[in-house]
Amino acid sequence: MPQLPPLPFTDDEVRASFPGLNLTTPALGQGSFKVAYRASTDQGTHVLKVIYSSPISDEPDEFDLDQMPDRTAREISSMGSVDSPHVVSLISAPTVVRIGESSYLCFEEPFYSGGTLEDRLVDGPLDRAEIRSLLISLLKASAALWGTEKIVHRDIKPGNIAYDGDGTPVLLDLGLVLVTEMSALTDSELASPKTPRYAAPEQFEQRRNAQIDFRTDQYLIGLTVLEAVRGTHPFYRPGISAGAYLQALVGFTPADLANDDLDDDVREVLGRLLSPAIYGRYRTPELPMEKLGIK
């Protein structure tokens, strides 16, 4: 696990910069680029995120989102454009706020009270009904992303799936999205951005040789759902080498699902989603949903 950099501001400085919010500190979580805080008002609870990796020198009224790193701009643009109950959204437009000695881009998103899939799997596998709900919700999320500027999430995993108060799964963290209609694959010598333990086989290839589209997200959905079925990652084991791990991915066949406790249609869909070859998966985002009786 890489060491995260220290935050450039204190909890007290964050609270002072948002006097209208009741912030819970320490932070809910920190990544390499942003940090998240639980925030409450009379209207309810939400999540405040601060992009701490890119301090802003301009005055707030002179700031343009285009000045931010591509990753941040894509994430915020995608959150504002995708309309689905299964994909995280913006509560309000991003703003620039001075915290401590510098200014930072901040935005708000919903707080999901049901925790994450990663949290739930601590207690073991999900049951059949929960598996079906998870699979359908993630397929709907992927279809909504692809239907909006051909967006590919590329980082679907248990820690990026939350549950709202009604138990509906919601896909979080659009920080690694690829907007295929807008983003040229200019870094062709590099592999696709990914979480290696939750990546499709094509994401390990050099970008110039890899096809990344909605079928990549299909694979990540299949991998995540199968972990929820078994309660443990289906391919990763502590100490496994990168080569052995990739070989486990490409060695999968639908017959490997024979002993899993699954509805027959879910078993069929998972077998296709986990095809090591991208052309073995479904040719549209809607087809796996149709197989599950969702029109």
Foldseek 3Di string as FASTA:
>chain_A
DDDADDFPADPVLVCVQCVQWDWDDDFPDDDNFKTWIWTAHPVGIWIKIWRRVDFDDDDFVPDDLVVDPPLVSVQQVLLDFQDDPQEKHFPDHWTWIDGPPTITIMTITGDAPQAWQVVVLVVPADDAVLLVQLLLSLLVVLQSQCVGLQKDQQEDARNQWGAHPVRHIHGHDSSQIDNPNPDDPPQQQDARDHDLLQFALLSRDRNVPGDDGSLRSLQSSLQRSVCNQGSHRPQDDPPDDSVSSSVSLQPDALVVCVPTPYDPLVSVQSRQSSHSDSVSHDPHSCVSVVSVVHD
